[in-house]
Amino acid sequence: MVIERTDSEIIFRLPADMDTAGLQRIVNYLKYKETIRKSQGTEEQASQLADESKKRWWAENKKRFIK
């Protein structure tokens, strides 16, 4: 593995035979970190957004679980 830093980015070079499932979890985490790095939201706002998302998901999927 090689990690290289330029003026504008960080580059990871990995062997082609790496486990893609594990790698995808790392990529998802890095996307999350990139998304929130300039966030000015509060913890309370994040919790409220999560609650709204869960309620909406449940309203859309409830019939799949309760017959």
PDB file of N, CA and C in Angstrom:
ATOM      1  N   MET A   1       0.852  -1.170   0.000  1.00  0.00           N
ATOM      2  CA  MET A   1       0.000   0.000   0.000  1.00  0.00           C
ATOM      3  C   MET A   1       0.895   1.229   0.000  1.00  0.00           C
ATOM      4  N   VAL A   2       0.482   2.227  -0.796  1.00  0.00           N
ATOM      5  CA  VAL A   2       1.205   3.486  -0.876  1.00  0.00           C
ATOM      6  C   VAL A   2       0.207   4.613  -0.643  1.00  0.00           C
ATOM      7  N   ILE A   3       0.557   5.553   0.214  1.00  0.00           N
ATOM      8  CA  ILE A   3      -0.269   6.735   0.448  1.00  0.00           C
ATOM      9  C   ILE A   3       0.554   7.940   0.032  1.00  0.00           C
ATOM     10  N   GLU A   4      -0.025   8.731  -0.852  1.00  0.00           N
ATOM     11  CA  GLU A   4       0.673   9.893  -1.395  1.00  0.00           C
ATOM     12  C   GLU A   4      -0.184  11.139  -1.180  1.00  0.00           C
ATOM     13  N   ARG A   5       0.431  12.211  -0.728  1.00  0.00           N
ATOM     14  CA  ARG A   5      -0.289  13.470  -0.531  1.00  0.00           C
ATOM     15  C   ARG A   5       0.232  14.487  -1.530  1.00  0.00           C
ATOM     16  N   THR A   6      -0.716  15.117  -2.241  1.00  0.00           N
ATOM     17  CA  THR A   6      -0.375  16.215  -3.137  1.00  0.00           C
ATOM     18  C   THR A   6      -0.931  17.488  -2.518  1.00  0.00           C
ATOM     19  N   ASP A   7      -0.819  18.604  -3.221  1.00  0.00           N
ATOM     20  CA  ASP A   7      -1.361  19.860  -2.699  1.00  0.00           C
ATOM     21  C   ASP A   7      -2.877  19.821  -2.549  1.00  0.00           C
ATOM     22  N   SER A   8      -3.553  19.027  -3.390  1.00  0.00           N
ATOM     23  CA  SER A   8      -5.012  19.062  -3.400  1.00  0.00           C
ATOM     24  C   SER A   8      -5.702  17.753  -3.020  1.00  0.00           C
ATOM     25  N   GLU A   9      -4.937  16.665  -2.846  1.00  0.00           N
ATOM     26  CA  GLU A   9      -5.595  15.396  -2.555  1.00  0.00           C
ATOM     27  C   GLU A   9      -4.650  14.398  -1.891  1.00  0.00           C
ATOM     28  N   ILE A  10      -5.244  13.329  -1.381  1.00  0.00           N
ATOM     29  CA  ILE A  10      -4.498  12.201  -0.838  1.00  0.00           C
ATOM     30  C   ILE A  10      -4.820  10.998  -1.719  1.00  0.00           C
ATOM     31  N   ILE A  11      -3.806  10.295  -2.156  1.00  0.00           N
ATOM     32  CA  ILE A  11      -3.986   9.170  -3.077  1.00  0.00           C
ATOM     33  C   ILE A  11      -3.560   7.882  -2.381  1.00  0.00           C
ATOM     34  N   PHE A  12      -4.456   6.887  -2.395  1.00  0.00           N
ATOM     35  CA  PHE A  12      -4.173   5.563  -1.860  1.00  0.00           C
ATOM     36  C   PHE A  12      -3.973   4.614  -3.033  1.00  0.00           C
ATOM     37  N   ARG A  13      -2.905   3.872  -3.014  1.00  0.00           N
ATOM     38  CA  ARG A  13      -2.659   2.841  -4.032  1.00  0.00           C
ATOM     39  C   ARG A  13      -2.646   1.494  -3.313  1.00  0.00           C
ATOM     40  N   LEU A  14      -3.548   0.609  -3.751  1.00  0.00           N
ATOM     41  CA  LEU A  14      -3.716  -0.685  -3.104  1.00  0.00           C
ATOM     42  C   LEU A  14      -3.553  -1.804  -4.122  1.00  0.00           C
ATOM     43  N   PRO A  15      -3.154  -2.990  -3.676  1.00  0.00           N
ATOM     44  CA  PRO A  15      -3.049  -4.128  -4.585  1.00  0.00           C
ATOM     45  C   PRO A  15      -4.412  -4.462  -5.201  1.00  0.00           C
ATOM     46  N   ALA A  16      -4.424  -4.900  -6.434  1.00  0.00           N
ATOM     47  CA  ALA A  16      -5.667  -5.197  -7.151  1.00  0.00           C
ATOM     48  C   ALA A  16      -6.438  -6.363  -6.541  1.00  0.00           C
ATOM     49  N   ASP A  17      -5.783  -7.208  -5.755  1.00  0.00           N
ATOM     50  CA  ASP A  17      -6.469  -8.367  -5.195  1.00  0.00           C
ATOM     51  C   ASP A  17      -7.070  -8.106  -3.806  1.00  0.00           C
ATOM     52  N   MET A  18      -7.247  -6.853  -3.459  1.00  0.00           N
ATOM     53  CA  MET A  18      -7.844  -6.500  -2.164  1.00  0.00           C
ATOM     54  C   MET A  18      -9.308  -6.934  -2.119  1.00  0.00           C
ATOM     55  N   ASP A  19      -9.792  -7.248  -0.913  1.00  0.00           N
ATOM     56  CA  ASP A  19     -11.189  -7.607  -0.679  1.00  0.00           C
ATOM     57  C   ASP A  19     -12.067  -6.387  -0.936  1.00  0.00           C
ATOM     58  N   THR A  20     -12.940  -6.441  -1.937  1.00  0.00           N
ATOM     59  CA  THR A  20     -13.728  -5.266  -2.296  1.00  0.00           C
ATOM     60  C   THR A  20     -14.832  -4.959  -1.287  1.00  0.00           C
ATOM     61  N   ALA A  21     -15.356  -5.961  -0.587  1.00  0.00           N
ATOM     62  CA  ALA A  21     -16.397  -5.698   0.406  1.00  0.00           C
ATOM     63  C   ALA A  21     -15.835  -4.862   1.551  1.00  0.00           C
ATOM     64  N   GLY A  22     -14.702  -5.239   2.064  1.00  0.00           N
ATOM     65  CA  GLY A  22     -14.065  -4.458   3.126  1.00  0.00           C
ATOM     66  C   GLY A  22     -13.656  -3.093   2.643  1.00  0.00           C
ATOM     67  N   LEU A  23     -13.171  -3.043   1.426  1.00  0.00           N
ATOM     68  CA  LEU A  23     -12.762  -1.775   0.829  1.00  0.00           C
ATOM     69  C   LEU A  23     -13.954  -0.834   0.668  1.00  0.00           C
ATOM     70  N   GLN A  24     -15.119  -1.378   0.313  1.00  0.00           N
ATOM     71  CA  GLN A  24     -16.316  -0.552   0.146  1.00  0.00           C
ATOM     72  C   GLN A  24     -16.714   0.102   1.460  1.00  0.00           C
ATOM     73  N   ARG A  25     -16.568  -0.615   2.573  1.00  0.00           N
ATOM     74  CA  ARG A  25     -16.884  -0.021   3.879  1.00  0.00           C
ATOM     75  C   ARG A  25     -15.962   1.158   4.169  1.00  0.00           C
ATOM     76  N   ILE A  26     -14.700   1.025   3.811  1.00  0.00           N
ATOM     77  CA  ILE A  26     -13.740   2.120   4.009  1.00  0.00           C
ATOM     78  C   ILE A  26     -14.101   3.298   3.116  1.00  0.00           C
ATOM     79  N   VAL A  27     -14.442   3.033   1.875  1.00  0.00           N
ATOM     80  CA  VAL A  27     -14.836   4.096   0.931  1.00  0.00           C
ATOM     81  C   VAL A  27     -16.075   4.818   1.449  1.00  0.00           C
ATOM     82  N   ASN A  28     -17.059   4.073   1.946  1.00  0.00           N
ATOM     83  CA  ASN A  28     -18.270   4.700   2.492  1.00  0.00           C
ATOM     84  C   ASN A  28     -17.929   5.622   3.659  1.00  0.00           C
ATOM     85  N   TYR A  29     -17.036   5.180   4.531  1.00  0.00           N
ATOM     86  CA  TYR A  29     -16.623   6.008   5.666  1.00  0.00           C
ATOM     87  C   TYR A  29     -15.924   7.277   5.179  1.00  0.00           C
ATOM     88  N   LEU A  30     -15.044   7.148   4.198  1.00  0.00           N
ATOM     89  CA  LEU A  30     -14.334   8.316   3.679  1.00  0.00           C
ATOM     90  C   LEU A  30     -15.293   9.292   2.989  1.00  0.00           C
ATOM     91  N   LYS A  31     -16.305   8.776   2.291  1.00  0.00           N
ATOM     92  CA  LYS A  31     -17.321   9.649   1.682  1.00  0.00           C
ATOM     93  C   LYS A  31     -18.075  10.405   2.768  1.00  0.00           C
ATOM     94  N   TYR A  32     -18.409   9.703   3.856  1.00  0.00           N
ATOM     95  CA  TYR A  32     -19.081  10.331   4.982  1.00  0.00           C
ATOM     96  C   TYR A  32     -18.219  11.454   5.567  1.00  0.00           C
ATOM     97  N   LYS A  33     -16.932  11.172   5.787  1.00  0.00           N
ATOM     98  CA  LYS A  33     -16.028  12.179   6.347  1.00  0.00           C
ATOM     99  C   LYS A  33     -15.909  13.382   5.413  1.00  0.00           C
ATOM    100  N   GLU A  34     -15.859  13.137   4.107  1.00  0.00           N
ATOM    101  CA  GLU A  34     -15.772  14.222   3.142  1.00  0.00           C
ATOM    102  C   GLU A  34     -17.039  15.074   3.169  1.00  0.00           C
ATOM    103  N   THR A  35     -18.181  14.421   3.299  1.00  0.00           N
ATOM    104  CA  THR A  35     -19.464  15.125   3.311  1.00  0.00           C
ATOM    105  C   THR A  35     -19.600  16.029   4.533  1.00  0.00           C
ATOM    106  N   ILE A  36     -19.180  15.545   5.695  1.00  0.00           N
ATOM    107  CA  ILE A  36     -19.396  16.314   6.925  1.00  0.00           C
ATOM    108  C   ILE A  36     -18.266  17.277   7.266  1.00  0.00           C
ATOM    109  N   ARG A  37     -17.186  17.254   6.535  1.00  0.00           N
ATOM    110  CA  ARG A  37     -16.025  18.046   6.954  1.00  0.00           C
ATOM    111  C   ARG A  37     -16.296  19.541   7.012  1.00  0.00           C
ATOM    112  N   LYS A  38     -17.226  20.042   6.212  1.00  0.00           N
ATOM    113  CA  LYS A  38     -17.539  21.463   6.246  1.00  0.00           C
ATOM    114  C   LYS A  38     -18.933  21.721   6.804  1.00  0.00           C
ATOM    115  N   SER A  39     -19.522  20.712   7.407  1.00  0.00           N
ATOM    116  CA  SER A  39     -20.867  20.841   7.945  1.00  0.00           C
ATOM    117  C   SER A  39     -20.888  21.814   9.120  1.00  0.00           C
ATOM    118  N   GLN A  40     -21.915  22.621   9.157  1.00  0.00           N
ATOM    119  CA  GLN A  40     -22.083  23.539  10.283  1.00  0.00           C
ATOM    120  C   GLN A  40     -23.302  23.161  11.114  1.00  0.00           C
ATOM    121  N   GLY A  41     -23.858  21.977  10.818  1.00  0.00           N
ATOM    122  CA  GLY A  41     -25.013  21.500  11.565  1.00  0.00           C
ATOM    123  C   GLY A  41     -24.638  21.107  12.976  1.00  0.00           C
ATOM    124  N   THR A  42     -25.627  21.160  13.857  1.00  0.00           N
ATOM    125  CA  THR A  42     -25.415  20.776  15.249  1.00  0.00           C
ATOM    126  C   THR A  42     -25.782  19.305  15.443  1.00  0.00           C
ATOM    127  N   GLU A  43     -25.386  18.757  16.561  1.00  0.00           N
ATOM    128  CA  GLU A  43     -25.746  17.379  16.909  1.00  0.00           C
ATOM    129  C   GLU A  43     -27.264  17.239  16.979  1.00  0.00           C
ATOM    130  N   GLU A  44     -27.918  18.231  17.526  1.00  0.00           N
ATOM    131  CA  GLU A  44     -29.380  18.202  17.643  1.00  0.00           C
ATOM    132  C   GLU A  44     -30.035  18.173  16.259  1.00  0.00           C
ATOM    133  N   GLN A  45     -29.533  18.971  15.328  1.00  0.00           N
ATOM    134  CA  GLN A  45     -30.069  18.976  13.968  1.00  0.00           C
ATOM    135  C   GLN A  45     -29.847  17.630  13.284  1.00  0.00           C
ATOM    136  N   ALA A  46     -28.707  17.030  13.507  1.00  0.00           N
ATOM    137  CA  ALA A  46     -28.419  15.721  12.927  1.00  0.00           C
ATOM    138  C   ALA A  46     -29.368  14.661  13.492  1.00  0.00           C
ATOM    139  N   SER A  47     -29.625  14.713  14.784  1.00  0.00           N
ATOM    140  CA  SER A  47     -30.546  13.762  15.410  1.00  0.00           C
ATOM    141  C   SER A  47     -31.959  13.941  14.873  1.00  0.00           C
ATOM    142  N   GLN A  48     -32.373  15.177  14.704  1.00  0.00           N
ATOM    143  CA  GLN A  48     -33.707  15.460  14.172  1.00  0.00           C
ATOM    144  C   GLN A  48     -33.830  14.943  12.737  1.00  0.00           C
ATOM    145  N   LEU A  49     -32.816  15.167  11.931  1.00  0.00           N
ATOM    146  CA  LEU A  49     -32.817  14.683  10.558  1.00  0.00           C
ATOM    147  C   LEU A  49     -32.869  13.155  10.515  1.00  0.00           C
ATOM    148  N   ALA A  50     -32.109  12.501  11.391  1.00  0.00           N
ATOM    149  CA  ALA A  50     -32.123  11.036  11.460  1.00  0.00           C
ATOM    150  C   ALA A  50     -33.502  10.526  11.858  1.00  0.00           C
ATOM    151  N   ASP A  51     -34.134  11.167  12.836  1.00  0.00           N
ATOM    152  CA  ASP A  51     -35.475  10.756  13.270  1.00  0.00           C
ATOM    153  C   ASP A  51     -36.483  10.900  12.137  1.00  0.00           C
ATOM    154  N   GLU A  52     -36.424  12.008  11.403  1.00  0.00           N
ATOM    155  CA  GLU A  52     -37.333  12.234  10.279  1.00  0.00           C
ATOM    156  C   GLU A  52     -37.120  11.182   9.197  1.00  0.00           C
ATOM    157  N   SER A  53     -35.879  10.853   8.948  1.00  0.00           N
ATOM    158  CA  SER A  53     -35.550   9.854   7.931  1.00  0.00           C
ATOM    159  C   SER A  53     -36.094   8.478   8.340  1.00  0.00           C
ATOM    160  N   LYS A  54     -35.929   8.119   9.598  1.00  0.00           N
ATOM    161  CA  LYS A  54     -36.422   6.828  10.087  1.00  0.00           C
ATOM    162  C   LYS A  54     -37.938   6.758   9.997  1.00  0.00           C
ATOM    163  N   LYS A  55     -38.622   7.847  10.361  1.00  0.00           N
ATOM    164  CA  LYS A  55     -40.087   7.877  10.290  1.00  0.00           C
ATOM    165  C   LYS A  55     -40.551   7.722   8.851  1.00  0.00           C
ATOM    166  N   ARG A  56     -39.907   8.425   7.938  1.00  0.00           N
ATOM    167  CA  ARG A  56     -40.274   8.344   6.528  1.00  0.00           C
ATOM    168  C   ARG A  56     -40.028   6.936   6.002  1.00  0.00           C
ATOM    169  N   TRP A  57     -38.879   6.333   6.358  1.00  0.00           N
ATOM    170  CA  TRP A  57     -38.578   4.983   5.906  1.00  0.00           C
ATOM    171  C   TRP A  57     -39.619   4.009   6.432  1.00  0.00           C
ATOM    172  N   TRP A  58     -39.960   4.130   7.706  1.00  0.00           N
ATOM    173  CA  TRP A  58     -40.924   3.216   8.301  1.00  0.00           C
ATOM    174  C   TRP A  58     -42.283   3.368   7.631  1.00  0.00           C
ATOM    175  N   ALA A  59     -42.715   4.592   7.362  1.00  0.00           N
ATOM    176  CA  ALA A  59     -43.999   4.818   6.698  1.00  0.00           C
ATOM    177  C   ALA A  59     -44.017   4.162   5.316  1.00  0.00           C
ATOM    178  N   GLU A  60     -42.897   4.196   4.619  1.00  0.00           N
ATOM    179  CA  GLU A  60     -42.815   3.623   3.273  1.00  0.00           C
ATOM    180  C   GLU A  60     -42.654   2.105   3.288  1.00  0.00           C
ATOM    181  N   ASN A  61     -42.128   1.521   4.363  1.00  0.00           N
ATOM    182  CA  ASN A  61     -41.795   0.096   4.377  1.00  0.00           C
ATOM    183  C   ASN A  61     -42.558  -0.735   5.399  1.00  0.00           C
ATOM    184  N   LYS A  62     -43.396  -0.104   6.192  1.00  0.00           N
ATOM    185  CA  LYS A  62     -44.113  -0.795   7.265  1.00  0.00           C
ATOM    186  C   LYS A  62     -44.869  -2.016   6.748  1.00  0.00           C
ATOM    187  N   LYS A  63     -45.523  -1.880   5.603  1.00  0.00           N
ATOM    188  CA  LYS A  63     -46.346  -2.971   5.068  1.00  0.00           C
ATOM    189  C   LYS A  63     -45.506  -4.207   4.715  1.00  0.00           C
ATOM    190  N   ARG A  64     -44.226  -4.043   4.500  1.00  0.00           N
ATOM    191  CA  ARG A  64     -43.365  -5.187   4.203  1.00  0.00           C
ATOM    192  C   ARG A  64     -43.099  -6.049   5.439  1.00  0.00           C
ATOM    193  N   PHE A  65     -43.253  -5.467   6.633  1.00  0.00           N
ATOM    194  CA  PHE A  65     -42.926  -6.161   7.860  1.00  0.00           C
ATOM    195  C   PHE A  65     -44.139  -6.534   8.705  1.00  0.00           C
ATOM    196  N   ILE A  66     -45.222  -5.794   8.564  1.00  0.00           N
ATOM    197  CA  ILE A  66     -46.431  -6.053   9.350  1.00  0.00           C
ATOM    198  C   ILE A  66     -47.570  -6.380   8.377  1.00  0.00           C
ATOM    199  N   LYS A  67     -48.086  -7.568   8.503  1.00  0.00           N
ATOM    200  CA  LYS A  67     -49.150  -8.020   7.592  1.00  0.00           C
ATOM    201  C   LYS A  67     -50.497  -7.896   8.244  1.00  0.00           C
TER     202      LYS A  67
END
